[in-house]
């Protein structure tokens, strides 16, 4: 998966289409991401009373959505963009090394 924790993304399909959020967690096995944002992909979960929560009740929880329904927000253009990879020469411990980095295809800006 090309996304990383902390990336700013835009939802491109579904009920929350057009809303922006930040990736909290990535679930690689199911190809899903959990987003943080104002009212983004939240569901109400009914909890039974337990020792940890003696009253039970209704709690709002962030629901994971499929990674194909989100696109990275370009840091320069502030629009959805695809992610690409390229190798860049960086100075690591006084040596030049080839390092693989992510970049936004719309503006060409390096993300890592």
N, C-alpha and C. Protein backbone atom coordinates (compact mmCIF):
# COMPACT_ATOMS: atom_id res chain seq x y z
N UNK A 1 0.84 -1.17 0.00
CA UNK A 1 0.00 0.00 0.00
C UNK A 1 0.89 1.24 0.00
N UNK A 2 0.50 2.23 -0.75
CA UNK A 2 1.34 3.41 -0.92
C UNK A 2 1.13 4.48 0.15
N UNK A 3 0.11 4.33 0.97
CA UNK A 3 -0.18 5.31 2.01
C UNK A 3 0.65 5.04 3.26
N UNK A 4 0.86 6.09 4.05
CA UNK A 4 1.56 5.97 5.32
C UNK A 4 0.74 6.68 6.39
N UNK A 5 0.98 6.29 7.63
CA UNK A 5 0.30 6.91 8.75
C UNK A 5 0.65 8.41 8.78
N UNK A 6 -0.36 9.25 8.93
CA UNK A 6 -0.14 10.69 8.98
C UNK A 6 -0.35 11.40 7.65
N UNK A 7 -0.57 10.66 6.57
CA UNK A 7 -0.82 11.28 5.26
C UNK A 7 -2.17 11.99 5.27
N UNK A 8 -2.23 13.14 4.60
CA UNK A 8 -3.49 13.85 4.41
C UNK A 8 -4.12 13.31 3.14
N UNK A 9 -5.39 12.87 3.24
CA UNK A 9 -6.08 12.26 2.11
C UNK A 9 -7.46 12.89 1.92
N UNK A 10 -8.02 12.64 0.72
CA UNK A 10 -9.37 13.08 0.36
C UNK A 10 -10.17 11.83 0.02
N UNK A 11 -11.40 11.75 0.49
CA UNK A 11 -12.27 10.63 0.14
C UNK A 11 -12.86 10.92 -1.23
N UNK A 12 -12.71 9.95 -2.15
CA UNK A 12 -13.14 10.18 -3.53
C UNK A 12 -14.44 9.48 -3.89
N UNK A 13 -14.97 8.63 -3.00
CA UNK A 13 -16.26 8.00 -3.27
C UNK A 13 -16.94 7.63 -1.97
N UNK A 14 -18.25 7.47 -2.05
CA UNK A 14 -19.02 7.10 -0.87
C UNK A 14 -19.77 8.28 -0.29
N UNK A 15 -20.34 8.07 0.89
CA UNK A 15 -21.18 9.09 1.52
C UNK A 15 -20.38 10.33 1.93
N UNK A 16 -19.10 10.16 2.26
CA UNK A 16 -18.25 11.27 2.71
C UNK A 16 -17.38 11.83 1.59
N UNK A 17 -17.81 11.68 0.35
CA UNK A 17 -17.02 12.11 -0.81
C UNK A 17 -16.66 13.59 -0.70
N UNK A 18 -15.35 13.90 -0.94
CA UNK A 18 -14.88 15.28 -0.92
C UNK A 18 -14.33 15.73 0.41
N UNK A 19 -14.56 14.97 1.47
CA UNK A 19 -14.06 15.35 2.79
C UNK A 19 -12.59 14.96 2.94
N UNK A 20 -11.88 15.71 3.77
CA UNK A 20 -10.45 15.47 3.97
C UNK A 20 -10.21 14.95 5.38
N UNK A 21 -9.14 14.15 5.52
CA UNK A 21 -8.78 13.63 6.83
C UNK A 21 -7.34 13.17 6.84
N UNK A 22 -6.91 12.68 7.99
CA UNK A 22 -5.56 12.20 8.19
C UNK A 22 -5.61 10.72 8.51
N UNK A 23 -4.68 9.94 7.98
CA UNK A 23 -4.67 8.50 8.23
C UNK A 23 -4.16 8.23 9.64
N UNK A 24 -5.00 7.52 10.42
CA UNK A 24 -4.64 7.13 11.78
C UNK A 24 -3.98 5.76 11.81
N UNK A 25 -4.55 4.84 11.03
CA UNK A 25 -4.09 3.45 11.06
C UNK A 25 -4.27 2.83 9.69
N UNK A 26 -3.37 1.93 9.32
CA UNK A 26 -3.45 1.22 8.06
C UNK A 26 -3.63 -0.26 8.35
N UNK A 27 -4.65 -0.87 7.74
CA UNK A 27 -4.92 -2.29 7.91
C UNK A 27 -4.55 -2.99 6.60
N UNK A 28 -3.32 -3.51 6.53
CA UNK A 28 -2.81 -4.07 5.28
C UNK A 28 -3.53 -5.33 4.83
N UNK A 29 -3.91 -6.19 5.78
CA UNK A 29 -4.55 -7.46 5.41
C UNK A 29 -5.88 -7.25 4.69
N UNK A 30 -6.62 -6.25 5.11
CA UNK A 30 -7.94 -6.00 4.51
C UNK A 30 -7.93 -4.83 3.53
N UNK A 31 -6.78 -4.21 3.30
CA UNK A 31 -6.62 -3.08 2.38
C UNK A 31 -7.53 -1.91 2.77
N UNK A 32 -7.53 -1.58 4.06
CA UNK A 32 -8.37 -0.51 4.57
C UNK A 32 -7.54 0.50 5.35
N UNK A 33 -8.08 1.71 5.50
CA UNK A 33 -7.44 2.75 6.30
C UNK A 33 -8.47 3.35 7.25
N UNK A 34 -7.99 3.78 8.42
CA UNK A 34 -8.84 4.45 9.40
C UNK A 34 -8.44 5.92 9.37
N UNK A 35 -9.44 6.79 9.18
CA UNK A 35 -9.18 8.22 9.04
C UNK A 35 -9.64 8.99 10.27
N UNK A 36 -8.95 10.12 10.49
CA UNK A 36 -9.31 11.04 11.57
C UNK A 36 -9.76 12.33 10.91
N UNK A 37 -10.89 12.85 11.37
CA UNK A 37 -11.38 14.11 10.83
C UNK A 37 -12.72 14.45 11.44
N UNK A 38 -13.28 15.58 11.07
CA UNK A 38 -14.56 16.02 11.64
C UNK A 38 -15.71 15.19 11.07
N UNK A 39 -16.20 14.25 11.86
CA UNK A 39 -17.35 13.44 11.46
C UNK A 39 -17.08 12.48 10.32
N UNK A 40 -15.82 12.20 10.06
CA UNK A 40 -15.47 11.31 8.95
C UNK A 40 -15.70 9.86 9.32
N UNK A 41 -16.39 9.15 8.49
CA UNK A 41 -16.58 7.71 8.59
C UNK A 41 -16.80 7.23 10.02
N UNK A 42 -17.57 7.98 10.77
CA UNK A 42 -17.87 7.57 12.14
C UNK A 42 -19.16 6.77 12.16
N UNK A 43 -19.19 5.74 13.01
CA UNK A 43 -20.39 4.96 13.20
C UNK A 43 -20.71 4.93 14.68
N UNK A 44 -21.96 4.67 15.00
CA UNK A 44 -22.36 4.55 16.40
C UNK A 44 -22.41 3.08 16.75
N UNK A 45 -21.68 2.72 17.81
CA UNK A 45 -21.60 1.34 18.23
C UNK A 45 -22.28 1.20 19.59
N UNK A 46 -23.17 0.23 19.72
CA UNK A 46 -23.89 -0.02 20.96
C UNK A 46 -23.09 -0.99 21.81
N UNK A 47 -22.76 -0.59 23.04
CA UNK A 47 -21.95 -1.41 23.93
C UNK A 47 -22.79 -1.95 25.08
N UNK A 48 -22.59 -3.23 25.36
CA UNK A 48 -23.22 -3.85 26.53
C UNK A 48 -22.50 -3.37 27.78
N UNK A 49 -23.19 -3.36 28.91
CA UNK A 49 -22.49 -3.05 30.15
C UNK A 49 -21.43 -4.10 30.47
N UNK A 50 -20.26 -3.64 30.91
CA UNK A 50 -19.17 -4.54 31.28
C UNK A 50 -18.43 -3.93 32.47
N UNK A 51 -17.39 -4.60 32.93
CA UNK A 51 -16.63 -4.06 34.05
C UNK A 51 -15.91 -2.77 33.67
N UNK A 52 -15.41 -2.72 32.45
CA UNK A 52 -14.72 -1.52 31.99
C UNK A 52 -15.70 -0.37 31.75
N UNK A 53 -16.89 -0.69 31.28
CA UNK A 53 -17.91 0.30 30.98
C UNK A 53 -19.22 -0.15 31.63
N UNK A 54 -19.43 0.14 32.92
CA UNK A 54 -20.58 -0.41 33.64
C UNK A 54 -21.95 0.06 33.13
N UNK A 55 -22.00 1.24 32.51
CA UNK A 55 -23.28 1.74 32.03
C UNK A 55 -23.61 1.27 30.62
N UNK A 56 -22.61 0.83 29.87
CA UNK A 56 -22.85 0.50 28.47
C UNK A 56 -23.06 1.79 27.70
N UNK A 57 -23.90 1.75 26.67
CA UNK A 57 -24.24 2.98 25.97
C UNK A 57 -23.87 2.95 24.51
N UNK A 58 -23.94 4.13 23.90
CA UNK A 58 -23.65 4.29 22.48
C UNK A 58 -22.38 5.12 22.34
N UNK A 59 -21.41 4.59 21.58
CA UNK A 59 -20.11 5.23 21.41
C UNK A 59 -19.86 5.44 19.92
N UNK A 60 -19.29 6.59 19.57
CA UNK A 60 -18.91 6.82 18.17
C UNK A 60 -17.50 6.30 17.93
N UNK A 61 -17.33 5.51 16.86
CA UNK A 61 -16.06 4.87 16.54
C UNK A 61 -15.71 5.17 15.08
N UNK A 62 -14.40 5.38 14.78
CA UNK A 62 -13.98 5.57 13.40
C UNK A 62 -14.06 4.24 12.67
N UNK A 63 -14.72 4.23 11.54
CA UNK A 63 -14.90 3.02 10.75
C UNK A 63 -13.83 2.99 9.65
N UNK A 64 -13.15 1.84 9.46
CA UNK A 64 -12.18 1.76 8.37
C UNK A 64 -12.87 1.79 7.01
N UNK A 65 -12.26 2.46 6.04
CA UNK A 65 -12.78 2.45 4.68
C UNK A 65 -11.72 1.89 3.74
N UNK A 66 -12.15 1.43 2.60
CA UNK A 66 -11.24 0.82 1.64
C UNK A 66 -10.24 1.85 1.13
N UNK A 67 -9.00 1.42 0.98
CA UNK A 67 -7.93 2.32 0.55
C UNK A 67 -8.14 2.82 -0.87
N UNK A 68 -8.93 2.10 -1.67
CA UNK A 68 -9.17 2.55 -3.04
C UNK A 68 -10.12 3.74 -3.08
N UNK A 69 -10.78 4.05 -1.97
CA UNK A 69 -11.72 5.16 -1.91
C UNK A 69 -11.08 6.46 -1.43
N UNK A 70 -9.77 6.47 -1.22
CA UNK A 70 -9.08 7.69 -0.80
C UNK A 70 -7.91 7.99 -1.73
N UNK A 71 -7.61 9.27 -1.88
CA UNK A 71 -6.44 9.71 -2.66
C UNK A 71 -5.65 10.69 -1.82
N UNK A 72 -4.35 10.67 -2.01
CA UNK A 72 -3.46 11.57 -1.30
C UNK A 72 -3.74 13.02 -1.69
N UNK A 73 -3.66 13.92 -0.72
CA UNK A 73 -3.83 15.34 -0.97
C UNK A 73 -2.47 15.93 -1.32
N UNK A 74 -2.35 16.49 -2.52
CA UNK A 74 -1.09 17.07 -2.97
C UNK A 74 -0.73 18.25 -2.06
N UNK A 75 0.49 18.25 -1.46
CA UNK A 75 0.85 19.32 -0.55
C UNK A 75 0.98 20.69 -1.23
N UNK A 76 1.25 20.71 -2.51
CA UNK A 76 1.44 21.98 -3.22
C UNK A 76 0.12 22.48 -3.83
N UNK A 77 -0.56 21.61 -4.58
CA UNK A 77 -1.77 22.01 -5.29
C UNK A 77 -3.04 21.88 -4.46
N UNK A 78 -2.97 21.19 -3.32
CA UNK A 78 -4.13 20.96 -2.45
C UNK A 78 -5.28 20.26 -3.17
N UNK A 79 -4.93 19.36 -4.10
CA UNK A 79 -5.91 18.57 -4.83
C UNK A 79 -5.52 17.11 -4.76
N UNK A 80 -6.46 16.18 -5.00
CA UNK A 80 -6.12 14.75 -4.98
C UNK A 80 -5.11 14.41 -6.06
N UNK A 81 -4.17 13.52 -5.72
CA UNK A 81 -3.13 13.13 -6.67
C UNK A 81 -2.76 11.67 -6.46
N UNK A 82 -2.16 11.09 -7.49
CA UNK A 82 -1.63 9.74 -7.38
C UNK A 82 -0.24 9.80 -6.75
N UNK A 83 0.22 8.65 -6.26
CA UNK A 83 1.53 8.56 -5.64
C UNK A 83 2.46 7.77 -6.56
N UNK A 84 3.66 8.28 -6.76
CA UNK A 84 4.66 7.58 -7.55
C UNK A 84 5.92 7.38 -6.73
N UNK A 85 6.82 6.58 -7.26
CA UNK A 85 8.10 6.33 -6.61
C UNK A 85 9.22 6.69 -7.56
N UNK A 86 10.30 7.24 -7.01
CA UNK A 86 11.50 7.48 -7.81
C UNK A 86 12.70 7.41 -6.88
N UNK A 87 13.87 7.22 -7.48
CA UNK A 87 15.10 7.18 -6.69
C UNK A 87 15.78 8.54 -6.74
N UNK A 88 16.24 8.98 -5.59
CA UNK A 88 16.87 10.28 -5.46
C UNK A 88 18.20 10.08 -4.75
N UNK A 89 19.20 10.85 -5.14
CA UNK A 89 20.50 10.78 -4.47
C UNK A 89 20.47 11.68 -3.25
N UNK A 90 20.68 11.07 -2.08
CA UNK A 90 20.70 11.82 -0.81
C UNK A 90 22.02 11.57 -0.12
N UNK A 91 22.41 12.54 0.69
CA UNK A 91 23.64 12.41 1.45
C UNK A 91 23.30 11.73 2.79
N UNK A 92 23.81 10.51 2.98
CA UNK A 92 23.58 9.75 4.20
C UNK A 92 24.94 9.43 4.81
N UNK A 93 25.20 9.98 6.00
CA UNK A 93 26.48 9.76 6.70
C UNK A 93 27.68 10.08 5.81
N UNK A 94 27.68 11.27 5.25
CA UNK A 94 28.77 11.79 4.40
C UNK A 94 28.97 11.00 3.12
N UNK A 95 27.98 10.20 2.70
CA UNK A 95 28.05 9.46 1.45
C UNK A 95 26.79 9.73 0.65
N UNK A 96 26.93 9.72 -0.67
CA UNK A 96 25.77 9.84 -1.54
C UNK A 96 25.19 8.45 -1.77
N UNK A 97 23.89 8.31 -1.50
CA UNK A 97 23.23 7.03 -1.70
C UNK A 97 21.94 7.24 -2.49
N UNK A 98 21.57 6.22 -3.25
CA UNK A 98 20.30 6.23 -3.96
C UNK A 98 19.21 5.82 -2.97
N UNK A 99 18.19 6.67 -2.81
CA UNK A 99 17.11 6.40 -1.87
C UNK A 99 15.79 6.44 -2.63
N UNK A 100 14.93 5.45 -2.37
CA UNK A 100 13.62 5.39 -3.00
C UNK A 100 12.66 6.27 -2.19
N UNK A 101 12.00 7.24 -2.86
CA UNK A 101 11.09 8.16 -2.19
C UNK A 101 9.74 8.20 -2.90
N UNK A 102 8.71 8.60 -2.17
CA UNK A 102 7.38 8.80 -2.75
C UNK A 102 7.28 10.24 -3.24
N UNK A 103 6.53 10.44 -4.32
CA UNK A 103 6.29 11.81 -4.80
C UNK A 103 4.87 11.94 -5.32
N UNK A 104 4.35 13.16 -5.28
CA UNK A 104 3.02 13.44 -5.79
C UNK A 104 3.12 13.63 -7.30
N UNK A 105 2.34 12.87 -8.05
CA UNK A 105 2.45 12.92 -9.51
C UNK A 105 1.93 14.23 -10.10
N UNK A 106 1.00 14.89 -9.42
CA UNK A 106 0.44 16.13 -9.95
C UNK A 106 1.45 17.27 -9.93
N UNK A 107 2.17 17.44 -8.81
CA UNK A 107 3.11 18.56 -8.70
C UNK A 107 4.57 18.11 -8.78
N UNK A 108 4.83 16.83 -8.57
CA UNK A 108 6.20 16.33 -8.60
C UNK A 108 6.93 16.52 -7.28
N UNK A 109 6.25 16.98 -6.25
CA UNK A 109 6.88 17.23 -4.95
C UNK A 109 7.13 15.94 -4.20
N UNK A 110 8.31 15.83 -3.59
CA UNK A 110 8.68 14.64 -2.82
C UNK A 110 7.94 14.65 -1.48
N UNK A 111 7.38 13.50 -1.10
CA UNK A 111 6.57 13.40 0.12
C UNK A 111 7.38 12.95 1.33
N UNK A 112 8.38 12.12 1.14
CA UNK A 112 9.15 11.58 2.28
C UNK A 112 10.30 12.48 2.64
